[in-house]
Amino acid sequence: TAATDFVNALGLSTTGIHGGQSSFATLGTLDQQLTDSS
C-alpha cells in the first residue's frame, strides 16, 4: 500500500519521472524495468 501510494505520488510520465522496482529475499528480482507507467 505504501509503495503504491508512493508510485502514484511520483507522477510518472513519458518526458518526466520514470520508475522501476527490484526486490530481494534469498534472491533478487527485477520486478519492473524503468517505465513511465504507474
All heavy atoms as atom14 arrays in JSON, in Angstrom:
{
  "sequence": "TAATDFVNALGLSTTGIHGGQSSFATLGTLDQQLTDSS",
  "atom14_mask": [
    [1, 1, 1, 1, 1, 1, 1, 0, 0, 0, 0, 0, 0, 0],
    [1, 1, 1, 1, 1, 0, 0, 0, 0, 0, 0, 0, 0, 0],
    [1, 1, 1, 1, 1, 0, 0, 0, 0, 0, 0, 0, 0, 0],
    [1, 1, 1, 1, 1, 1, 1, 0, 0, 0, 0, 0, 0, 0],
    [1, 1, 1, 1, 1, 1, 1, 1, 0, 0, 0, 0, 0, 0],
    [1, 1, 1, 1, 1, 1, 1, 1, 1, 1, 1, 0, 0, 0],
    [1, 1, 1, 1, 1, 1, 1, 0, 0, 0, 0, 0, 0, 0],
    [1, 1, 1, 1, 1, 1, 1, 1, 0, 0, 0, 0, 0, 0],
    [1, 1, 1, 1, 1, 0, 0, 0, 0, 0, 0, 0, 0, 0],
    [1, 1, 1, 1, 1, 1, 1, 1, 0, 0, 0, 0, 0, 0],
    [1, 1, 1, 1, 0, 0, 0, 0, 0, 0, 0, 0, 0, 0],
    [1, 1, 1, 1, 1, 1, 1, 1, 0, 0, 0, 0, 0, 0],
    [1, 1, 1, 1, 1, 1, 0, 0, 0, 0, 0, 0, 0, 0],
    [1, 1, 1, 1, 1, 1, 1, 0, 0, 0, 0, 0, 0, 0],
    [1, 1, 1, 1, 1, 1, 1, 0, 0, 0, 0, 0, 0, 0],
    [1, 1, 1, 1, 0, 0, 0, 0, 0, 0, 0, 0, 0, 0],
    [1, 1, 1, 1, 1, 1, 1, 1, 0, 0, 0, 0, 0, 0],
    [1, 1, 1, 1, 1, 1, 1, 1, 1, 1, 0, 0, 0, 0],
    [1, 1, 1, 1, 0, 0, 0, 0, 0, 0, 0, 0, 0, 0],
    [1, 1, 1, 1, 0, 0, 0, 0, 0, 0, 0, 0, 0, 0],
    [1, 1, 1, 1, 1, 1, 1, 1, 1, 0, 0, 0, 0, 0],
    [1, 1, 1, 1, 1, 1, 0, 0, 0, 0, 0, 0, 0, 0],
    [1, 1, 1, 1, 1, 1, 0, 0, 0, 0, 0, 0, 0, 0],
    [1, 1, 1, 1, 1, 1, 1, 1, 1, 1, 1, 0, 0, 0],
    [1, 1, 1, 1, 1, 0, 0, 0, 0, 0, 0, 0, 0, 0],
    [1, 1, 1, 1, 1, 1, 1, 0, 0, 0, 0, 0, 0, 0],
    [1, 1, 1, 1, 1, 1, 1, 1, 0, 0, 0, 0, 0, 0],
    [1, 1, 1, 1, 0, 0, 0, 0, 0, 0, 0, 0, 0, 0],
    [1, 1, 1, 1, 1, 1, 1, 0, 0, 0, 0, 0, 0, 0],
    [1, 1, 1, 1, 1, 1, 1, 1, 0, 0, 0, 0, 0, 0],
    [1, 1, 1, 1, 1, 1, 1, 1, 0, 0, 0, 0, 0, 0],
    [1, 1, 1, 1, 1, 1, 1, 1, 1, 0, 0, 0, 0, 0],
    [1, 1, 1, 1, 1, 1, 1, 1, 1, 0, 0, 0, 0, 0],
    [1, 1, 1, 1, 1, 1, 1, 1, 0, 0, 0, 0, 0, 0],
    [1, 1, 1, 1, 1, 1, 1, 0, 0, 0, 0, 0, 0, 0],
    [1, 1, 1, 1, 1, 1, 1, 1, 0, 0, 0, 0, 0, 0],
    [1, 1, 1, 1, 1, 1, 0, 0, 0, 0, 0, 0, 0, 0],
    [1, 1, 1, 1, 1, 1, 0, 0, 0, 0, 0, 0, 0, 0]
  ],
  "atom14_positions": [
    [[0.83, -1.21, 0.0], [0.0, 0.0, 0.0], [0.86, 1.25, 0.0], [0.64, 2.19, -0.78], [-0.95, 0.0, 1.21], [-1.81, -1.13, 1.12], [-1.78, 1.28, 1.27], [0.0, 0.0, 0.0], [0.0, 0.0, 0.0], [0.0, 0.0, 0.0], [0.0, 0.0, 0.0], [0.0, 0.0, 0.0], [0.0, 0.0, 0.0], [0.0, 0.0, 0.0]],
    [[1.87, 1.28, 0.87], [2.76, 2.45, 0.95], [3.53, 2.64, -0.35], [3.66, 3.77, -0.84], [3.72, 2.29, 2.12], [0.0, 0.0, 0.0], [0.0, 0.0, 0.0], [0.0, 0.0, 0.0], [0.0, 0.0, 0.0], [0.0, 0.0, 0.0], [0.0, 0.0, 0.0], [0.0, 0.0, 0.0], [0.0, 0.0, 0.0], [0.0, 0.0, 0.0]],
    [[4.04, 1.55, -0.92], [4.8, 1.64, -2.17], [3.92, 2.1, -3.32], [4.33, 2.93, -4.14], [5.46, 0.29, -2.48], [0.0, 0.0, 0.0], [0.0, 0.0, 0.0], [0.0, 0.0, 0.0], [0.0, 0.0, 0.0], [0.0, 0.0, 0.0], [0.0, 0.0, 0.0], [0.0, 0.0, 0.0], [0.0, 0.0, 0.0], [0.0, 0.0, 0.0]],
    [[2.7, 1.6, -3.39], [1.77, 2.01, -4.45], [1.43, 3.49, -4.33], [1.42, 4.22, -5.32], [0.5, 1.14, -4.39], [0.87, -0.22, -4.63], [-0.52, 1.57, -5.42], [0.0, 0.0, 0.0], [0.0, 0.0, 0.0], [0.0, 0.0, 0.0], [0.0, 0.0, 0.0], [0.0, 0.0, 0.0], [0.0, 0.0, 0.0], [0.0, 0.0, 0.0]],
    [[1.14, 3.95, -3.12], [0.86, 5.37, -2.91], [2.06, 6.23, -3.31], [1.89, 7.31, -3.9], [0.48, 5.64, -1.46], [-0.9, 5.13, -1.11], [-1.65, 4.7, -2.0], [-1.24, 5.15, 0.1], [0.0, 0.0, 0.0], [0.0, 0.0, 0.0], [0.0, 0.0, 0.0], [0.0, 0.0, 0.0], [0.0, 0.0, 0.0], [0.0, 0.0, 0.0]],
    [[3.25, 5.76, -2.99], [4.47, 6.48, -3.36], [4.6, 6.59, -4.87], [4.86, 7.66, -5.41], [5.69, 5.79, -2.75], [6.99, 6.48, -3.04], [7.34, 7.65, -2.39], [7.88, 5.96, -3.98], [8.54, 8.3, -2.67], [9.07, 6.59, -4.26], [9.41, 7.77, -3.6], [0.0, 0.0, 0.0], [0.0, 0.0, 0.0], [0.0, 0.0, 0.0]],
    [[4.41, 5.48, -5.57], [4.49, 5.48, -7.03], [3.46, 6.45, -7.61], [3.78, 7.23, -8.52], [4.28, 4.05, -7.59], [4.04, 4.07, -9.1], [5.48, 3.18, -7.26], [0.0, 0.0, 0.0], [0.0, 0.0, 0.0], [0.0, 0.0, 0.0], [0.0, 0.0, 0.0], [0.0, 0.0, 0.0], [0.0, 0.0, 0.0], [0.0, 0.0, 0.0]],
    [[2.25, 6.41, -7.1], [1.21, 7.3, -7.61], [1.56, 8.78, -7.39], [1.27, 9.63, -8.23], [-0.14, 6.96, -6.99], [-0.65, 5.61, -7.44], [-0.26, 5.1, -8.49], [-1.52, 5.02, -6.65], [0.0, 0.0, 0.0], [0.0, 0.0, 0.0], [0.0, 0.0, 0.0], [0.0, 0.0, 0.0], [0.0, 0.0, 0.0], [0.0, 0.0, 0.0]],
    [[2.21, 9.07, -6.28], [2.6, 10.45, -5.98], [3.75, 10.94, -6.87], [3.91, 12.14, -7.08], [2.99, 10.58, -4.5], [0.0, 0.0, 0.0], [0.0, 0.0, 0.0], [0.0, 0.0, 0.0], [0.0, 0.0, 0.0], [0.0, 0.0, 0.0], [0.0, 0.0, 0.0], [0.0, 0.0, 0.0], [0.0, 0.0, 0.0], [0.0, 0.0, 0.0]],
    [[4.54, 10.01, -7.41], [5.66, 10.41, -8.26], [5.22, 11.07, -9.55], [5.95, 11.9, -10.09], [6.54, 9.19, -8.59], [7.4, 8.63, -7.48], [8.1, 7.37, -7.96], [8.41, 9.65, -7.0], [0.0, 0.0, 0.0], [0.0, 0.0, 0.0], [0.0, 0.0, 0.0], [0.0, 0.0, 0.0], [0.0, 0.0, 0.0], [0.0, 0.0, 0.0]],
    [[4.07, 10.69, -10.06], [3.61, 11.26, -11.31], [4.46, 10.84, -12.5], [4.96, 11.69, -13.25], [0.0, 0.0, 0.0], [0.0, 0.0, 0.0], [0.0, 0.0, 0.0], [0.0, 0.0, 0.0], [0.0, 0.0, 0.0], [0.0, 0.0, 0.0], [0.0, 0.0, 0.0], [0.0, 0.0, 0.0], [0.0, 0.0, 0.0], [0.0, 0.0, 0.0]],
    [[4.65, 9.54, -12.66], [5.46, 9.05, -13.78], [4.9, 9.55, -15.1], [3.69, 9.64, -15.27], [5.48, 7.51, -13.77], [5.99, 6.82, -12.51], [6.0, 5.31, -12.7], [7.35, 7.31, -12.11], [0.0, 0.0, 0.0], [0.0, 0.0, 0.0], [0.0, 0.0, 0.0], [0.0, 0.0, 0.0], [0.0, 0.0, 0.0], [0.0, 0.0, 0.0]],
    [[5.8, 9.87, -16.03], [5.36, 10.36, -17.35], [6.44, 10.08, -18.39], [7.6, 9.86, -18.06], [5.05, 11.85, -17.3], [6.24, 12.6, -17.12], [0.0, 0.0, 0.0], [0.0, 0.0, 0.0], [0.0, 0.0, 0.0], [0.0, 0.0, 0.0], [0.0, 0.0, 0.0], [0.0, 0.0, 0.0], [0.0, 0.0, 0.0], [0.0, 0.0, 0.0]],
    [[6.02, 10.13, -19.64], [6.93, 9.85, -20.75], [8.14, 10.77, -20.75], [9.27, 10.34, -20.94], [6.2, 9.97, -22.09], [5.06, 9.1, -22.05], [7.08, 9.59, -23.25], [0.0, 0.0, 0.0], [0.0, 0.0, 0.0], [0.0, 0.0, 0.0], [0.0, 0.0, 0.0], [0.0, 0.0, 0.0], [0.0, 0.0, 0.0], [0.0, 0.0, 0.0]],
    [[7.91, 12.05, -20.5], [9.01, 13.02, -20.55], [9.53, 13.41, -19.17], [10.45, 14.2, -19.06], [8.56, 14.31, -21.29], [7.43, 14.85, -20.59], [8.2, 14.0, -22.73], [0.0, 0.0, 0.0], [0.0, 0.0, 0.0], [0.0, 0.0, 0.0], [0.0, 0.0, 0.0], [0.0, 0.0, 0.0], [0.0, 0.0, 0.0], [0.0, 0.0, 0.0]],
    [[8.94, 12.85, -18.13], [9.34, 13.19, -16.77], [9.95, 12.02, -16.04], [10.82, 11.32, -16.55], [0.0, 0.0, 0.0], [0.0, 0.0, 0.0], [0.0, 0.0, 0.0], [0.0, 0.0, 0.0], [0.0, 0.0, 0.0], [0.0, 0.0, 0.0], [0.0, 0.0, 0.0], [0.0, 0.0, 0.0], [0.0, 0.0, 0.0], [0.0, 0.0, 0.0]],
    [[9.45, 11.81, -14.85], [9.98, 10.78, -13.96], [9.64, 9.39, -14.47], [8.51, 9.13, -14.89], [9.42, 10.98, -12.53], [9.88, 12.32, -11.96], [9.82, 9.83, -11.62], [9.19, 12.7, -10.68], [0.0, 0.0, 0.0], [0.0, 0.0, 0.0], [0.0, 0.0, 0.0], [0.0, 0.0, 0.0], [0.0, 0.0, 0.0], [0.0, 0.0, 0.0]],
    [[10.62, 8.49, -14.4], [10.41, 7.07, -14.64], [10.72, 6.33, -13.35], [11.47, 6.82, -12.51], [11.34, 6.56, -15.75], [10.96, 7.04, -17.1], [11.83, 7.69, -17.94], [9.79, 6.97, -17.77], [11.22, 7.99, -19.07], [9.97, 7.58, -18.99], [0.0, 0.0, 0.0], [0.0, 0.0, 0.0], [0.0, 0.0, 0.0], [0.0, 0.0, 0.0]],
    [[10.14, 5.17, -13.19], [10.39, 4.37, -12.0], [10.52, 2.9, -12.37], [10.0, 2.46, -13.39], [0.0, 0.0, 0.0], [0.0, 0.0, 0.0], [0.0, 0.0, 0.0], [0.0, 0.0, 0.0], [0.0, 0.0, 0.0], [0.0, 0.0, 0.0], [0.0, 0.0, 0.0], [0.0, 0.0, 0.0], [0.0, 0.0, 0.0], [0.0, 0.0, 0.0]],
    [[11.22, 2.17, -11.54], [11.36, 0.73, -11.7], [11.36, 0.12, -10.32], [11.36, 0.84, -9.31], [0.0, 0.0, 0.0], [0.0, 0.0, 0.0], [0.0, 0.0, 0.0], [0.0, 0.0, 0.0], [0.0, 0.0, 0.0], [0.0, 0.0, 0.0], [0.0, 0.0, 0.0], [0.0, 0.0, 0.0], [0.0, 0.0, 0.0], [0.0, 0.0, 0.0]],
    [[11.36, -1.2, -10.26], [11.33, -1.82, -8.95], [12.06, -3.15, -8.95], [11.81, -4.01, -9.79], [9.88, -2.03, -8.52], [9.75, -2.4, -7.06], [9.01, -3.69, -6.89], [8.01, -3.93, -7.53], [9.51, -4.53, -6.03], [0.0, 0.0, 0.0], [0.0, 0.0, 0.0], [0.0, 0.0, 0.0], [0.0, 0.0, 0.0], [0.0, 0.0, 0.0]],
    [[12.98, -3.28, -7.99], [13.58, -4.57, -7.72], [13.19, -4.94, -6.29], [12.78, -4.09, -5.5], [15.11, -4.53, -7.88], [15.7, -3.71, -6.91], [0.0, 0.0, 0.0], [0.0, 0.0, 0.0], [0.0, 0.0, 0.0], [0.0, 0.0, 0.0], [0.0, 0.0, 0.0], [0.0, 0.0, 0.0], [0.0, 0.0, 0.0], [0.0, 0.0, 0.0]],
    [[13.3, -6.22, -6.01], [13.01, -6.69, -4.65], [14.02, -7.78, -4.31], [14.74, -8.27, -5.18], [11.58, -7.22, -4.56], [11.38, -8.33, -5.4], [0.0, 0.0, 0.0], [0.0, 0.0, 0.0], [0.0, 0.0, 0.0], [0.0, 0.0, 0.0], [0.0, 0.0, 0.0], [0.0, 0.0, 0.0], [0.0, 0.0, 0.0], [0.0, 0.0, 0.0]],
    [[14.06, -8.11, -3.04], [15.04, -9.1, -2.63], [14.52, -9.95, -1.49], [13.78, -9.49, -0.63], [16.38, -8.46, -2.26], [16.29, -7.44, -1.15], [16.55, -7.81, 0.17], [15.95, -6.12, -1.41], [16.48, -6.87, 1.2], [15.87, -5.19, -0.39], [16.14, -5.56, 0.91], [0.0, 0.0, 0.0], [0.0, 0.0, 0.0], [0.0, 0.0, 0.0]],
    [[14.89, -11.2, -1.54], [14.72, -12.18, -0.47], [15.98, -13.03, -0.56], [17.07, -12.47, -0.57], [13.44, -12.98, -0.64], [0.0, 0.0, 0.0], [0.0, 0.0, 0.0], [0.0, 0.0, 0.0], [0.0, 0.0, 0.0], [0.0, 0.0, 0.0], [0.0, 0.0, 0.0], [0.0, 0.0, 0.0], [0.0, 0.0, 0.0], [0.0, 0.0, 0.0]],
    [[15.87, -14.35, -0.71], [17.06, -15.17, -0.9], [17.76, -14.77, -2.19], [18.99, -14.72, -2.27], [16.7, -16.66, -0.92], [16.03, -16.97, 0.31], [17.94, -17.53, -1.05], [0.0, 0.0, 0.0], [0.0, 0.0, 0.0], [0.0, 0.0, 0.0], [0.0, 0.0, 0.0], [0.0, 0.0, 0.0], [0.0, 0.0, 0.0], [0.0, 0.0, 0.0]],
    [[16.97, -14.46, -3.2], [17.46, -13.95, -4.48], [16.84, -12.59, -4.73], [15.81, -12.24, -4.15], [17.08, -14.91, -5.62], [17.6, -16.34, -5.49], [17.01, -17.2, -6.6], [19.11, -16.38, -5.52], [0.0, 0.0, 0.0], [0.0, 0.0, 0.0], [0.0, 0.0, 0.0], [0.0, 0.0, 0.0], [0.0, 0.0, 0.0], [0.0, 0.0, 0.0]],
    [[17.43, -11.83, -5.6], [16.85, -10.56, -6.0], [16.11, -10.75, -7.31], [16.41, -11.66, -8.08], [0.0, 0.0, 0.0], [0.0, 0.0, 0.0], [0.0, 0.0, 0.0], [0.0, 0.0, 0.0], [0.0, 0.0, 0.0], [0.0, 0.0, 0.0], [0.0, 0.0, 0.0], [0.0, 0.0, 0.0], [0.0, 0.0, 0.0], [0.0, 0.0, 0.0]],
    [[15.14, -9.89, -7.56], [14.43, -9.9, -8.84], [14.22, -8.47, -9.32], [13.99, -7.57, -8.52], [13.06, -10.61, -8.77], [12.25, -9.96, -7.79], [13.19, -12.07, -8.42], [0.0, 0.0, 0.0], [0.0, 0.0, 0.0], [0.0, 0.0, 0.0], [0.0, 0.0, 0.0], [0.0, 0.0, 0.0], [0.0, 0.0, 0.0], [0.0, 0.0, 0.0]],
    [[14.32, -8.3, -10.62], [13.93, -7.03, -11.23], [12.46, -7.21, -11.58], [12.11, -7.88, -12.54], [14.76, -6.74, -12.49], [14.4, -5.45, -13.23], [14.59, -4.23, -12.33], [15.22, -5.32, -14.5], [0.0, 0.0, 0.0], [0.0, 0.0, 0.0], [0.0, 0.0, 0.0], [0.0, 0.0, 0.0], [0.0, 0.0, 0.0], [0.0, 0.0, 0.0]],
    [[11.6, -6.65, -10.75], [10.16, -6.85, -10.89], [9.56, -5.97, -11.98], [8.57, -6.34, -12.59], [9.47, -6.58, -9.56], [10.02, -7.46, -8.45], [10.08, -8.69, -8.64], [10.41, -6.91, -7.4], [0.0, 0.0, 0.0], [0.0, 0.0, 0.0], [0.0, 0.0, 0.0], [0.0, 0.0, 0.0], [0.0, 0.0, 0.0], [0.0, 0.0, 0.0]],
    [[10.15, -4.8, -12.19], [9.67, -3.89, -13.24], [10.83, -3.05, -13.73], [11.48, -2.35, -12.96], [8.55, -2.98, -12.72], [8.07, -1.95, -13.72], [7.52, -2.56, -15.0], [6.62, -3.39, -14.95], [8.06, -2.18, -16.14], [0.0, 0.0, 0.0], [0.0, 0.0, 0.0], [0.0, 0.0, 0.0], [0.0, 0.0, 0.0], [0.0, 0.0, 0.0]],
    [[11.09, -3.14, -15.03], [12.1, -2.28, -15.64], [11.66, -0.83, -15.5], [10.49, -0.54, -15.24], [12.23, -2.61, -17.13], [12.73, -3.98, -17.41], [12.74, -4.28, -18.91], [11.98, -3.7, -19.69], [13.59, -5.2, -19.32], [0.0, 0.0, 0.0], [0.0, 0.0, 0.0], [0.0, 0.0, 0.0], [0.0, 0.0, 0.0], [0.0, 0.0, 0.0]],
    [[12.6, 0.09, -15.71], [12.24, 1.5, -15.69], [11.1, 1.73, -16.67], [11.12, 1.24, -17.81], [13.44, 2.36, -16.07], [14.52, 2.46, -15.0], [15.77, 3.09, -15.56], [14.03, 3.23, -13.8], [0.0, 0.0, 0.0], [0.0, 0.0, 0.0], [0.0, 0.0, 0.0], [0.0, 0.0, 0.0], [0.0, 0.0, 0.0], [0.0, 0.0, 0.0]],
    [[10.11, 2.48, -16.22], [8.9, 2.69, -17.02], [8.3, 4.06, -16.7], [8.58, 4.63, -15.65], [7.86, 1.58, -16.76], [6.71, 1.79, -17.6], [7.41, 1.56, -15.31], [0.0, 0.0, 0.0], [0.0, 0.0, 0.0], [0.0, 0.0, 0.0], [0.0, 0.0, 0.0], [0.0, 0.0, 0.0], [0.0, 0.0, 0.0], [0.0, 0.0, 0.0]],
    [[7.46, 4.52, -17.59], [6.69, 5.73, -17.32], [5.25, 5.37, -16.94], [4.4, 6.23, -16.8], [6.71, 6.67, -18.53], [6.11, 6.05, -19.78], [5.61, 4.91, -19.73], [6.16, 6.71, -20.83], [0.0, 0.0, 0.0], [0.0, 0.0, 0.0], [0.0, 0.0, 0.0], [0.0, 0.0, 0.0], [0.0, 0.0, 0.0], [0.0, 0.0, 0.0]],
    [[4.99, 4.08, -16.72], [3.65, 3.59, -16.43], [3.48, 3.26, -14.95], [4.02, 2.26, -14.46], [3.36, 2.33, -17.26], [2.16, 1.72, -16.83], [0.0, 0.0, 0.0], [0.0, 0.0, 0.0], [0.0, 0.0, 0.0], [0.0, 0.0, 0.0], [0.0, 0.0, 0.0], [0.0, 0.0, 0.0], [0.0, 0.0, 0.0], [0.0, 0.0, 0.0]],
    [[2.7, 4.09, -14.26], [2.39, 3.8, -12.86], [1.64, 2.48, -12.74], [1.85, 1.72, -11.79], [1.55, 4.92, -12.25], [2.29, 6.11, -12.18], [0.0, 0.0, 0.0], [0.0, 0.0, 0.0], [0.0, 0.0, 0.0], [0.0, 0.0, 0.0], [0.0, 0.0, 0.0], [0.0, 0.0, 0.0], [0.0, 0.0, 0.0], [0.0, 0.0, 0.0]]
  ]
}
